[in-house]
Amino acid sequence: MSTVEPESFAIIVGIDRYQHLGTLEGPVKDASDFERWVVDKTREDHVKPQNVFRAFSSSDAHSWEPTQDTVDRHFLRLCEVGERKKSGGYVGRRLYVFMAGHGMAQTIEEASLLTANAREGDSEAHIPCRCYCDWLRMAAYFDEIVLFVDSCRTKFPDVAVRPFPRPTIHAEGSGKVKYLYGFAARYGQEALEEARGFFSQALLEGLQKGRRSDGSVTAASLKEFILNHPDLKNYEGIQDPEIVAPDEIVLARYKGEGRFRVRLDVRPAPAARARIRGSDIQPFEVAAAEDGIFDIEVPRGLYAVEVGSTKGLFEVSGTKREEKPIHVELR
């Protein structure tokens, strides 16, 4: 008897044209890039295009879409998927939610996206991103929920948080739902852009390059990549991303990602630990074996070995297995 792997879904919203608020440059471009990553077939766990629900700003100068009703319909479609499957509300393995545009925060935890018809501090024309994802967690519609919000979290404590458009479901398995919530800024801060959102660009880069030594991108490795991204570090105290990652979620494994075992003999002085850096991997530390050799597995590419303030370079070509250690001179 064959089994069918549960599918993943995505809701992607990018709003850069507003009826009553200023125009933005990055949200639709960033949302489009995130959609391309989500459906990228080089990832083993990509989302099928038919499972992506998108809501982008309209090119029609007289249309102010998407509204809160448009985005709500996408979330309700997920509920309908579960009902059609007669699976007690279970929809799939993972839900990605990406939201980019103007925003506000009614509470220290919330991040609400203002929809295209919104006014500043609008009590109706907004999507409370965390509230909606928490509703889905409570309903246990998915095994994992991954939320990214690139918007300001300007304080509006007097504005009520819109509830999810269905009554709360207290599912038995809600406590087992894993989640990752990533916000472009902390409560009360702005989310900056220069043609593209700073947070979105760091996120998209991290989803490709924030890899562990085994080549996978996890919640923890992505968090480390984003929080140490130089473009965001430049605005520390003005825009500080907030990543809520209590669970270890593997976000990406790339098909055909060849990795090669190499052994490094670092000279002139032996070292107990070294840090490995490469253009397409998250930097990682490695301990030397008893013979002083560093044993690692990495894809093809040019790498740096760092020991204290010294550094040496080596290349992994992948053309043959290295039987002898590669000698790396530190300078």
C-alpha atoms as a PDB file:
ATOM      1  CA  MET A   1       0.000   0.000   0.000  1.00  0.00           C
ATOM      2  CA  SER A   2       1.542   3.313  -1.063  1.00  0.00           C
ATOM      3  CA  THR A   3       1.519   6.375   1.174  1.00  0.00           C
ATOM      4  CA  VAL A   4       1.239   9.966  -0.009  1.00  0.00           C
ATOM      5  CA  GLU A   5       3.548  12.502   1.550  1.00  0.00           C
ATOM      6  CA  PRO A   6       1.637  15.466   3.022  1.00  0.00           C
ATOM      7  CA  GLU A   7       2.000  18.566   0.881  1.00  0.00           C
ATOM      8  CA  SER A   8       3.143  22.055   1.831  1.00  0.00           C
ATOM      9  CA  PHE A   9       1.395  25.344   1.080  1.00  0.00           C
ATOM     10  CA  ALA A  10       2.247  29.036   0.952  1.00  0.00           C
ATOM     11  CA  ILE A  11       0.412  32.341   1.324  1.00  0.00           C
ATOM     12  CA  ILE A  12       2.474  35.203  -0.117  1.00  0.00           C
ATOM     13  CA  VAL A  13       1.383  38.839   0.086  1.00  0.00           C
ATOM     14  CA  GLY A  14       3.266  41.837  -1.292  1.00  0.00           C
ATOM     15  CA  ILE A  15       1.741  45.342  -1.200  1.00  0.00           C
ATOM     16  CA  ASP A  16       3.573  48.421  -2.479  1.00  0.00           C
ATOM     17  CA  ARG A  17       0.648  50.555  -3.734  1.00  0.00           C
ATOM     18  CA  TYR A  18      -1.650  52.062  -1.109  1.00  0.00           C
ATOM     19  CA  GLN A  19      -4.754  54.189  -1.508  1.00  0.00           C
ATOM     20  CA  HIS A  20      -4.101  56.389   1.532  1.00  0.00           C
ATOM     21  CA  LEU A  21      -0.489  55.627   2.517  1.00  0.00           C
ATOM     22  CA  GLY A  22       2.839  56.154   0.814  1.00  0.00           C
ATOM     23  CA  THR A  23       4.049  53.946  -2.027  1.00  0.00           C
ATOM     24  CA  LEU A  24       6.811  51.428  -1.330  1.00  0.00           C
ATOM     25  CA  GLU A  25       9.401  49.985  -3.705  1.00  0.00           C
ATOM     26  CA  GLY A  26      10.291  46.526  -2.416  1.00  0.00           C
ATOM     27  CA  PRO A  27       7.308  44.450  -1.242  1.00  0.00           C
ATOM     28  CA  VAL A  28       6.074  42.999  -4.552  1.00  0.00           C
ATOM     29  CA  LYS A  29       9.617  42.314  -5.780  1.00  0.00           C
ATOM     30  CA  ASP A  30      10.539  40.688  -2.470  1.00  0.00           C
ATOM     31  CA  ALA A  31       7.340  38.647  -2.397  1.00  0.00           C
ATOM     32  CA  SER A  32       7.972  37.492  -5.978  1.00  0.00           C
ATOM     33  CA  ASP A  33      11.501  36.402  -5.053  1.00  0.00           C
ATOM     34  CA  PHE A  34      10.182  34.512  -2.038  1.00  0.00           C
ATOM     35  CA  GLU A  35       7.640  32.771  -4.268  1.00  0.00           C
ATOM     36  CA  ARG A  36      10.429  31.711  -6.630  1.00  0.00           C
ATOM     37  CA  TRP A  37      12.343  30.240  -3.695  1.00  0.00           C
ATOM     38  CA  VAL A  38       9.265  28.429  -2.369  1.00  0.00           C
ATOM     39  CA  VAL A  39       8.572  26.642  -5.670  1.00  0.00           C
ATOM     40  CA  ASP A  40      12.243  26.051  -6.567  1.00  0.00           C
ATOM     41  CA  LYS A  41      12.470  22.399  -7.610  1.00  0.00           C
ATOM     42  CA  THR A  42      16.151  22.174  -6.674  1.00  0.00           C
ATOM     43  CA  ARG A  43      14.906  21.983  -3.091  1.00  0.00           C
ATOM     44  CA  GLU A  44      13.679  18.591  -1.985  1.00  0.00           C
ATOM     45  CA  ASP A  45      10.797  20.147  -0.045  1.00  0.00           C
ATOM     46  CA  HIS A  46       9.571  22.750  -2.544  1.00  0.00           C
ATOM     47  CA  VAL A  47       5.928  23.811  -2.704  1.00  0.00           C
ATOM     48  CA  LYS A  48       3.876  22.887  -5.756  1.00  0.00           C
ATOM     49  CA  PRO A  49       2.805  26.017  -7.695  1.00  0.00           C
ATOM     50  CA  GLN A  50      -0.874  25.120  -7.322  1.00  0.00           C
ATOM     51  CA  ASN A  51      -0.437  25.249  -3.538  1.00  0.00           C
ATOM     52  CA  VAL A  52       0.768  28.856  -3.550  1.00  0.00           C
ATOM     53  CA  PHE A  53      -1.891  31.469  -2.771  1.00  0.00           C
ATOM     54  CA  ARG A  54      -0.635  34.936  -3.703  1.00  0.00           C
ATOM     55  CA  ALA A  55      -1.969  38.474  -3.284  1.00  0.00           C
ATOM     56  CA  PHE A  56       0.107  41.250  -4.857  1.00  0.00           C
ATOM     57  CA  SER A  57      -0.599  44.922  -5.521  1.00  0.00           C
ATOM     58  CA  SER A  58      -2.690  45.476  -8.614  1.00  0.00           C
ATOM     59  CA  SER A  59      -1.172  47.197 -11.644  1.00  0.00           C
ATOM     60  CA  ASP A  60      -4.546  48.863 -12.215  1.00  0.00           C
ATOM     61  CA  ALA A  61      -4.227  52.475 -11.044  1.00  0.00           C
ATOM     62  CA  HIS A  62      -7.880  52.462  -9.957  1.00  0.00           C
ATOM     63  CA  SER A  63      -7.759  49.183  -8.019  1.00  0.00           C
ATOM     64  CA  TRP A  64      -6.615  49.053  -4.412  1.00  0.00           C
ATOM     65  CA  GLU A  65      -5.918  45.376  -3.949  1.00  0.00           C
ATOM     66  CA  PRO A  66      -5.335  43.295  -2.019  1.00  0.00           C
ATOM     67  CA  THR A  67      -7.778  44.195   0.735  1.00  0.00           C
ATOM     68  CA  GLN A  68      -8.127  42.362   4.023  1.00  0.00           C
ATOM     69  CA  ASP A  69     -11.023  40.372   2.527  1.00  0.00           C
ATOM     70  CA  THR A  70      -8.825  39.175  -0.344  1.00  0.00           C
ATOM     71  CA  VAL A  71      -6.115  37.922   2.013  1.00  0.00           C
ATOM     72  CA  ASP A  72      -8.699  36.405   4.369  1.00  0.00           C
ATOM     73  CA  ARG A  73     -10.045  34.326   1.490  1.00  0.00           C
ATOM     74  CA  HIS A  74      -6.638  32.729   1.023  1.00  0.00           C
ATOM     75  CA  PHE A  75      -6.513  31.676   4.669  1.00  0.00           C
ATOM     76  CA  LEU A  76     -10.071  30.373   4.446  1.00  0.00           C
ATOM     77  CA  ARG A  77      -9.110  28.331   1.371  1.00  0.00           C
ATOM     78  CA  LEU A  78      -6.669  26.450   3.589  1.00  0.00           C
ATOM     79  CA  CYS A  79      -9.495  25.630   5.970  1.00  0.00           C
ATOM     80  CA  GLU A  80     -11.548  24.389   3.027  1.00  0.00           C
ATOM     81  CA  VAL A  81      -8.663  22.176   1.854  1.00  0.00           C
ATOM     82  CA  GLY A  82      -8.688  20.416   5.215  1.00  0.00           C
ATOM     83  CA  GLU A  83     -12.443  20.027   5.145  1.00  0.00           C
ATOM     84  CA  ARG A  84     -12.378  18.518   1.655  1.00  0.00           C
ATOM     85  CA  LYS A  85      -9.758  15.988   2.742  1.00  0.00           C
ATOM     86  CA  LYS A  86     -12.007  14.915   5.608  1.00  0.00           C
ATOM     87  CA  SER A  87      -8.859  14.799   7.710  1.00  0.00           C
ATOM     88  CA  GLY A  88     -10.144  16.561  10.775  1.00  0.00           C
ATOM     89  CA  GLY A  89      -8.803  19.892   9.571  1.00  0.00           C
ATOM     90  CA  TYR A  90      -5.267  18.669   8.780  1.00  0.00           C
ATOM     91  CA  VAL A  91      -4.060  20.406   5.621  1.00  0.00           C
ATOM     92  CA  GLY A  92      -0.396  19.607   5.122  1.00  0.00           C
ATOM     93  CA  ARG A  93       3.163  19.334   6.324  1.00  0.00           C
ATOM     94  CA  ARG A  94       4.200  22.991   6.302  1.00  0.00           C
ATOM     95  CA  LEU A  95       2.683  26.406   5.681  1.00  0.00           C
ATOM     96  CA  TYR A  96       4.834  29.326   4.581  1.00  0.00           C
ATOM     97  CA  VAL A  97       3.394  32.806   5.143  1.00  0.00           C
ATOM     98  CA  PHE A  98       5.273  35.789   3.702  1.00  0.00           C
ATOM     99  CA  MET A  99       3.922  39.321   4.142  1.00  0.00           C
ATOM    100  CA  ALA A 100       5.524  42.565   2.967  1.00  0.00           C
ATOM    101  CA  GLY A 101       4.179  46.130   2.986  1.00  0.00           C
ATOM    102  CA  HIS A 102       3.249  48.867   5.441  1.00  0.00           C
ATOM    103  CA  GLY A 103       2.588  47.604   8.942  1.00  0.00           C
ATOM    104  CA  MET A 104       1.842  48.266  12.579  1.00  0.00           C
ATOM    105  CA  ALA A 105       1.924  46.454  15.924  1.00  0.00           C
ATOM    106  CA  GLN A 106      -0.976  46.548  18.379  1.00  0.00           C
ATOM    107  CA  THR A 107       0.898  44.465  20.964  1.00  0.00           C
ATOM    108  CA  ILE A 108       4.524  43.648  21.719  1.00  0.00           C
ATOM    109  CA  GLU A 109       4.092  40.286  19.956  1.00  0.00           C
ATOM    110  CA  GLU A 110       1.940  41.260  16.986  1.00  0.00           C
ATOM    111  CA  ALA A 111       2.993  42.331  13.491  1.00  0.00           C
ATOM    112  CA  SER A 112       0.065  43.447  11.350  1.00  0.00           C
ATOM    113  CA  LEU A 113       0.276  44.034   7.615  1.00  0.00           C
ATOM    114  CA  LEU A 114      -1.791  46.978   6.394  1.00  0.00           C
ATOM    115  CA  THR A 115      -3.745  46.105   3.256  1.00  0.00           C
ATOM    116  CA  ALA A 116      -3.912  48.315   0.172  1.00  0.00           C
ATOM    117  CA  ASN A 117      -7.105  50.108   1.250  1.00  0.00           C
ATOM    118  CA  ALA A 118      -5.815  50.919   4.753  1.00  0.00           C
ATOM    119  CA  ARG A 119      -5.366  54.192   6.550  1.00  0.00           C
ATOM    120  CA  GLU A 120      -2.767  54.632   9.276  1.00  0.00           C
ATOM    121  CA  GLY A 121      -3.721  52.599  12.349  1.00  0.00           C
ATOM    122  CA  ASP A 122      -6.691  51.042  10.524  1.00  0.00           C
ATOM    123  CA  SER A 123      -8.790  48.798  12.780  1.00  0.00           C
ATOM    124  CA  GLU A 124     -10.172  46.773   9.876  1.00  0.00           C
ATOM    125  CA  ALA A 125      -7.829  46.923   6.866  1.00  0.00           C
ATOM    126  CA  HIS A 126      -5.002  44.849   8.270  1.00  0.00           C
ATOM    127  CA  ILE A 127      -3.849  41.252   8.657  1.00  0.00           C
ATOM    128  CA  PRO A 128      -2.530  40.424  12.143  1.00  0.00           C
ATOM    129  CA  CYS A 129       0.096  37.964  10.954  1.00  0.00           C
ATOM    130  CA  ARG A 130       0.991  36.359  14.257  1.00  0.00           C
ATOM    131  CA  CYS A 131      -2.650  36.094  15.342  1.00  0.00           C
ATOM    132  CA  TYR A 132      -3.577  34.299  12.116  1.00  0.00           C
ATOM    133  CA  CYS A 133      -0.638  31.888  12.330  1.00  0.00           C
ATOM    134  CA  ASP A 134      -1.359  31.225  16.013  1.00  0.00           C
ATOM    135  CA  TRP A 135      -4.940  30.350  15.025  1.00  0.00           C
ATOM    136  CA  LEU A 136      -3.617  27.789  12.546  1.00  0.00           C
ATOM    137  CA  ARG A 137      -1.261  26.406  15.198  1.00  0.00           C
ATOM    138  CA  MET A 138      -4.169  25.989  17.603  1.00  0.00           C
ATOM    139  CA  ALA A 139      -6.145  24.218  14.875  1.00  0.00           C
ATOM    140  CA  ALA A 140      -3.130  21.959  14.094  1.00  0.00           C
ATOM    141  CA  TYR A 141      -3.805  22.354  10.382  1.00  0.00           C
ATOM    142  CA  PHE A 142      -0.087  21.922   9.668  1.00  0.00           C
ATOM    143  CA  ASP A 143       2.869  20.142  11.212  1.00  0.00           C
ATOM    144  CA  GLU A 144       4.975  23.308  10.826  1.00  0.00           C
ATOM    145  CA  ILE A 145       4.215  27.000  10.279  1.00  0.00           C
ATOM    146  CA  VAL A 146       6.875  29.390   8.954  1.00  0.00           C
ATOM    147  CA  LEU A 147       6.015  33.102   9.009  1.00  0.00           C
ATOM    148  CA  PHE A 148       8.084  36.029   7.680  1.00  0.00           C
ATOM    149  CA  VAL A 149       6.863  39.627   7.924  1.00  0.00           C
ATOM    150  CA  ASP A 150       8.748  42.530   6.337  1.00  0.00           C
ATOM    151  CA  SER A 151       6.868  45.553   7.620  1.00  0.00           C
ATOM    152  CA  CYS A 152       7.154  48.289  10.225  1.00  0.00           C
ATOM    153  CA  ARG A 153       5.905  47.492  13.718  1.00  0.00           C
ATOM    154  CA  THR A 154       4.846  51.016  14.618  1.00  0.00           C
ATOM    155  CA  LYS A 155       3.043  51.048  17.964  1.00  0.00           C
ATOM    156  CA  PHE A 156      -0.755  51.276  17.777  1.00  0.00           C
ATOM    157  CA  PRO A 157      -1.839  49.889  21.173  1.00  0.00           C
ATOM    158  CA  ASP A 158      -5.345  51.387  20.887  1.00  0.00           C
ATOM    159  CA  VAL A 159      -6.163  49.479  17.695  1.00  0.00           C
ATOM    160  CA  ALA A 160      -7.861  46.131  18.210  1.00  0.00           C
ATOM    161  CA  VAL A 161      -6.322  43.012  16.657  1.00  0.00           C
ATOM    162  CA  ARG A 162      -8.685  41.569  14.054  1.00  0.00           C
ATOM    163  CA  PRO A 163      -9.564  37.976  14.933  1.00  0.00           C
ATOM    164  CA  PHE A 164      -9.174  35.125  12.470  1.00  0.00           C
ATOM    165  CA  PRO A 165     -12.359  34.907  10.358  1.00  0.00           C
ATOM    166  CA  ARG A 166     -13.415  31.616  11.965  1.00  0.00           C
ATOM    167  CA  PRO A 167     -13.989  30.546  15.570  1.00  0.00           C
ATOM    168  CA  THR A 168     -10.932  29.215  17.400  1.00  0.00           C
ATOM    169  CA  ILE A 169     -10.337  25.458  17.136  1.00  0.00           C
ATOM    170  CA  HIS A 170      -8.569  23.807  20.058  1.00  0.00           C
ATOM    171  CA  ALA A 171      -7.087  20.764  18.354  1.00  0.00           C
ATOM    172  CA  GLU A 172      -5.565  17.961  20.375  1.00  0.00           C
ATOM    173  CA  GLY A 173      -2.244  18.136  18.513  1.00  0.00           C
ATOM    174  CA  SER A 174      -1.781  21.927  18.675  1.00  0.00           C
ATOM    175  CA  GLY A 175       1.102  21.708  21.156  1.00  0.00           C
ATOM    176  CA  LYS A 176       3.117  19.608  18.703  1.00  0.00           C
ATOM    177  CA  VAL A 177       2.989  22.120  15.846  1.00  0.00           C
ATOM    178  CA  LYS A 178       6.476  23.481  15.184  1.00  0.00           C
ATOM    179  CA  TYR A 179       6.852  27.116  14.207  1.00  0.00           C
ATOM    180  CA  LEU A 180       9.275  29.798  13.097  1.00  0.00           C
ATOM    181  CA  TYR A 181       8.253  33.452  13.153  1.00  0.00           C
ATOM    182  CA  GLY A 182      10.569  36.047  11.614  1.00  0.00           C
ATOM    183  CA  PHE A 183       9.833  39.772  11.883  1.00  0.00           C
ATOM    184  CA  ALA A 184      11.791  42.510  10.112  1.00  0.00           C
ATOM    185  CA  ALA A 185      11.830  44.700  13.222  1.00  0.00           C
ATOM    186  CA  ARG A 186      11.077  44.698  16.902  1.00  0.00           C
ATOM    187  CA  TYR A 187       8.019  46.286  18.507  1.00  0.00           C
ATOM    188  CA  GLY A 188       7.985  50.016  17.778  1.00  0.00           C
ATOM    189  CA  GLN A 189      10.678  49.909  15.074  1.00  0.00           C
ATOM    190  CA  GLU A 190      10.650  50.619  11.335  1.00  0.00           C
ATOM    191  CA  ALA A 191      11.446  48.181   8.532  1.00  0.00           C
ATOM    192  CA  LEU A 192      13.781  49.888   6.078  1.00  0.00           C
ATOM    193  CA  GLU A 193      14.163  49.533   2.328  1.00  0.00           C
ATOM    194  CA  GLU A 194      16.308  50.858  -0.496  1.00  0.00           C
ATOM    195  CA  ALA A 195      14.532  49.544  -3.588  1.00  0.00           C
ATOM    196  CA  ARG A 196      14.226  46.229  -1.694  1.00  0.00           C
ATOM    197  CA  GLY A 197      13.447  45.433   1.921  1.00  0.00           C
ATOM    198  CA  PHE A 198      16.613  44.991   4.003  1.00  0.00           C
ATOM    199  CA  PHE A 199      15.045  42.123   5.942  1.00  0.00           C
ATOM    200  CA  SER A 200      13.667  40.360   2.860  1.00  0.00           C
ATOM    201  CA  GLN A 201      17.001  40.474   1.098  1.00  0.00           C
ATOM    202  CA  ALA A 202      18.846  39.102   4.137  1.00  0.00           C
ATOM    203  CA  LEU A 203      16.149  36.417   4.452  1.00  0.00           C
ATOM    204  CA  LEU A 204      16.354  35.346   0.812  1.00  0.00           C
ATOM    205  CA  GLU A 205      20.128  35.276   0.962  1.00  0.00           C
ATOM    206  CA  GLY A 206      20.025  33.245   4.169  1.00  0.00           C
ATOM    207  CA  LEU A 207      17.621  30.701   2.698  1.00  0.00           C
ATOM    208  CA  GLN A 208      20.315  29.941   0.125  1.00  0.00           C
ATOM    209  CA  LYS A 209      23.564  30.508   2.002  1.00  0.00           C
ATOM    210  CA  GLY A 210      22.688  30.060   5.670  1.00  0.00           C
ATOM    211  CA  ARG A 211      23.587  26.384   5.534  1.00  0.00           C
ATOM    212  CA  ARG A 212      24.915  24.118   8.222  1.00  0.00           C
ATOM    213  CA  SER A 213      27.934  21.913   7.638  1.00  0.00           C
ATOM    214  CA  ASP A 214      25.607  19.204   6.280  1.00  0.00           C
ATOM    215  CA  GLY A 215      24.253  21.584   3.634  1.00  0.00           C
ATOM    216  CA  SER A 216      20.795  22.105   5.129  1.00  0.00           C
ATOM    217  CA  VAL A 217      19.229  25.433   6.096  1.00  0.00           C
ATOM    218  CA  THR A 218      17.536  25.227   9.484  1.00  0.00           C
ATOM    219  CA  ALA A 219      15.627  27.658  11.675  1.00  0.00           C
ATOM    220  CA  ALA A 220      18.709  28.083  13.849  1.00  0.00           C
ATOM    221  CA  SER A 221      21.190  28.579  10.980  1.00  0.00           C
ATOM    222  CA  LEU A 222      18.844  31.050   9.253  1.00  0.00           C
ATOM    223  CA  LYS A 223      18.401  33.002  12.492  1.00  0.00           C
ATOM    224  CA  GLU A 224      22.172  33.263  12.930  1.00  0.00           C
ATOM    225  CA  PHE A 225      22.620  34.353   9.315  1.00  0.00           C
ATOM    226  CA  ILE A 226      19.970  37.098   9.481  1.00  0.00           C
ATOM    227  CA  LEU A 227      20.994  38.494  12.867  1.00  0.00           C
ATOM    228  CA  ASN A 228      24.607  38.778  11.684  1.00  0.00           C
ATOM    229  CA  HIS A 229      23.880  40.115   8.200  1.00  0.00           C
ATOM    230  CA  PRO A 230      26.034  43.226   7.582  1.00  0.00           C
ATOM    231  CA  ASP A 231      23.236  45.221   5.901  1.00  0.00           C
ATOM    232  CA  LEU A 232      21.107  44.867   9.025  1.00  0.00           C
ATOM    233  CA  LYS A 233      24.006  45.297  11.440  1.00  0.00           C
ATOM    234  CA  ASN A 234      24.496  48.786   9.980  1.00  0.00           C
ATOM    235  CA  TYR A 235      21.074  49.767  11.368  1.00  0.00           C
ATOM    236  CA  GLU A 236      21.332  48.124  14.773  1.00  0.00           C
ATOM    237  CA  GLY A 237      19.049  49.903  17.226  1.00  0.00           C
ATOM    238  CA  ILE A 238      16.913  51.264  14.373  1.00  0.00           C
ATOM    239  CA  GLN A 239      15.841  47.997  12.765  1.00  0.00           C
ATOM    240  CA  ASP A 240      16.560  44.851  14.754  1.00  0.00           C
ATOM    241  CA  PRO A 241      14.982  41.699  13.302  1.00  0.00           C
ATOM    242  CA  GLU A 242      13.151  39.462  15.741  1.00  0.00           C
ATOM    243  CA  ILE A 243      13.334  35.731  15.049  1.00  0.00           C
ATOM    244  CA  VAL A 244      11.195  33.447  17.203  1.00  0.00           C
ATOM    245  CA  ALA A 245      12.566  29.959  16.598  1.00  0.00           C
ATOM    246  CA  PRO A 246      11.789  27.555  19.458  1.00  0.00           C
ATOM    247  CA  ASP A 247      11.830  24.485  17.210  1.00  0.00           C
ATOM    248  CA  GLU A 248      14.501  23.036  14.960  1.00  0.00           C
ATOM    249  CA  ILE A 249      12.938  23.108  11.505  1.00  0.00           C
ATOM    250  CA  VAL A 250      14.838  22.091   8.365  1.00  0.00           C
ATOM    251  CA  LEU A 251      13.822  24.764   5.874  1.00  0.00           C
ATOM    252  CA  ALA A 252      15.771  23.565   2.853  1.00  0.00           C
ATOM    253  CA  ARG A 253      17.680  20.625   1.489  1.00  0.00           C
ATOM    254  CA  TYR A 254      18.969  21.129  -2.026  1.00  0.00           C
ATOM    255  CA  LYS A 255      18.835  18.343  -4.606  1.00  0.00           C
ATOM    256  CA  GLY A 256      22.103  17.385  -6.206  1.00  0.00           C
ATOM    257  CA  GLU A 257      24.068  19.254  -3.588  1.00  0.00           C
ATOM    258  CA  GLY A 258      27.336  17.385  -3.905  1.00  0.00           C
ATOM    259  CA  ARG A 259      29.455  17.448  -0.762  1.00  0.00           C
ATOM    260  CA  PHE A 260      32.998  16.233  -0.580  1.00  0.00           C
ATOM    261  CA  ARG A 261      35.050  15.056   2.339  1.00  0.00           C
ATOM    262  CA  VAL A 262      38.357  16.877   2.692  1.00  0.00           C
ATOM    263  CA  ARG A 263      41.028  16.710   5.377  1.00  0.00           C
ATOM    264  CA  LEU A 264      42.909  19.876   6.275  1.00  0.00           C
ATOM    265  CA  ASP A 265      46.428  20.060   7.663  1.00  0.00           C
ATOM    266  CA  VAL A 266      46.667  23.597   9.025  1.00  0.00           C
ATOM    267  CA  ARG A 267      50.151  25.084   9.360  1.00  0.00           C
ATOM    268  CA  PRO A 268      52.493  26.436  10.686  1.00  0.00           C
ATOM    269  CA  ALA A 269      51.108  25.904  14.182  1.00  0.00           C
ATOM    270  CA  PRO A 270      48.633  23.157  15.102  1.00  0.00           C
ATOM    271  CA  ALA A 271      45.223  24.336  16.304  1.00  0.00           C
ATOM    272  CA  ALA A 272      42.473  22.693  18.337  1.00  0.00           C
ATOM    273  CA  ARG A 273      39.625  24.495  16.566  1.00  0.00           C
ATOM    274  CA  ALA A 274      39.164  26.416  13.330  1.00  0.00           C
ATOM    275  CA  ARG A 275      36.376  28.319  11.593  1.00  0.00           C
ATOM    276  CA  ILE A 276      35.465  27.495   7.978  1.00  0.00           C
ATOM    277  CA  ARG A 277      33.996  30.166   5.703  1.00  0.00           C
ATOM    278  CA  GLY A 278      32.711  29.908   2.140  1.00  0.00           C
ATOM    279  CA  SER A 279      30.529  31.971  -0.179  1.00  0.00           C
ATOM    280  CA  ASP A 280      27.679  29.448  -0.270  1.00  0.00           C
ATOM    281  CA  ILE A 281      27.649  28.050   3.269  1.00  0.00           C
ATOM    282  CA  GLN A 282      27.019  29.315   6.757  1.00  0.00           C
ATOM    283  CA  PRO A 283      30.370  29.717   8.590  1.00  0.00           C
ATOM    284  CA  PHE A 284      30.971  26.861  11.043  1.00  0.00           C
ATOM    285  CA  GLU A 285      33.534  25.766  13.584  1.00  0.00           C
ATOM    286  CA  VAL A 286      35.268  22.417  13.554  1.00  0.00           C
ATOM    287  CA  ALA A 287      37.518  20.643  16.059  1.00  0.00           C
ATOM    288  CA  ALA A 288      40.741  18.934  15.058  1.00  0.00           C
ATOM    289  CA  ALA A 289      41.117  15.172  15.420  1.00  0.00           C
ATOM    290  CA  GLU A 290      43.779  13.656  17.652  1.00  0.00           C
ATOM    291  CA  ASP A 291      46.303  13.827  14.788  1.00  0.00           C
ATOM    292  CA  GLY A 292      45.623  17.568  14.364  1.00  0.00           C
ATOM    293  CA  ILE A 293      43.761  17.115  11.056  1.00  0.00           C
ATOM    294  CA  PHE A 294      40.410  18.842  10.416  1.00  0.00           C
ATOM    295  CA  ASP A 295      37.894  16.532   8.725  1.00  0.00           C
ATOM    296  CA  ILE A 296      35.009  18.342   6.972  1.00  0.00           C
ATOM    297  CA  GLU A 297      32.422  17.853   4.220  1.00  0.00           C
ATOM    298  CA  VAL A 298      31.622  20.828   1.963  1.00  0.00           C
ATOM    299  CA  PRO A 299      30.408  21.509  -1.603  1.00  0.00           C
ATOM    300  CA  ARG A 300      32.736  22.595  -4.391  1.00  0.00           C
ATOM    301  CA  GLY A 301      34.146  26.064  -3.893  1.00  0.00           C
ATOM    302  CA  LEU A 302      36.821  28.312  -2.438  1.00  0.00           C
ATOM    303  CA  TYR A 303      37.080  28.365   1.363  1.00  0.00           C
ATOM    304  CA  ALA A 304      38.942  30.114   4.134  1.00  0.00           C
ATOM    305  CA  VAL A 305      40.236  28.510   7.339  1.00  0.00           C
ATOM    306  CA  GLU A 306      40.434  30.953  10.241  1.00  0.00           C
ATOM    307  CA  VAL A 307      42.423  30.332  13.398  1.00  0.00           C
ATOM    308  CA  GLY A 308      42.485  33.372  15.630  1.00  0.00           C
ATOM    309  CA  SER A 309      43.618  36.351  13.534  1.00  0.00           C
ATOM    310  CA  THR A 310      45.254  34.168  10.868  1.00  0.00           C
ATOM    311  CA  LYS A 311      43.657  32.812   7.723  1.00  0.00           C
ATOM    312  CA  GLY A 312      44.464  30.381   4.919  1.00  0.00           C
ATOM    313  CA  LEU A 313      42.643  29.490   1.702  1.00  0.00           C
ATOM    314  CA  PHE A 314      41.864  26.155   0.065  1.00  0.00           C
ATOM    315  CA  GLU A 315      39.708  24.974  -2.814  1.00  0.00           C
ATOM    316  CA  VAL A 316      37.431  21.961  -3.166  1.00  0.00           C
ATOM    317  CA  SER A 317      37.106  20.981  -6.829  1.00  0.00           C
ATOM    318  CA  GLY A 318      35.130  17.782  -6.350  1.00  0.00           C
ATOM    319  CA  THR A 319      36.955  16.090  -9.217  1.00  0.00           C
ATOM    320  CA  LYS A 320      38.444  13.397  -7.052  1.00  0.00           C
ATOM    321  CA  ARG A 321      38.462  12.213  -3.503  1.00  0.00           C
ATOM    322  CA  GLU A 322      41.347  13.656  -1.542  1.00  0.00           C
ATOM    323  CA  GLU A 323      43.177  10.778   0.089  1.00  0.00           C
ATOM    324  CA  LYS A 324      45.888  12.968   1.581  1.00  0.00           C
ATOM    325  CA  PRO A 325      45.292  16.040   3.735  1.00  0.00           C
ATOM    326  CA  ILE A 326      45.274  19.451   2.036  1.00  0.00           C
ATOM    327  CA  HIS A 327      48.022  21.646   3.474  1.00  0.00           C
ATOM    328  CA  VAL A 328      46.747  25.093   4.388  1.00  0.00           C
ATOM    329  CA  GLU A 329      49.235  27.836   5.226  1.00  0.00           C
ATOM    330  CA  LEU A 330      47.957  30.375   7.733  1.00  0.00           C
ATOM    331  CA  ARG A 331      49.022  33.980   7.302  1.00  0.00           C
END
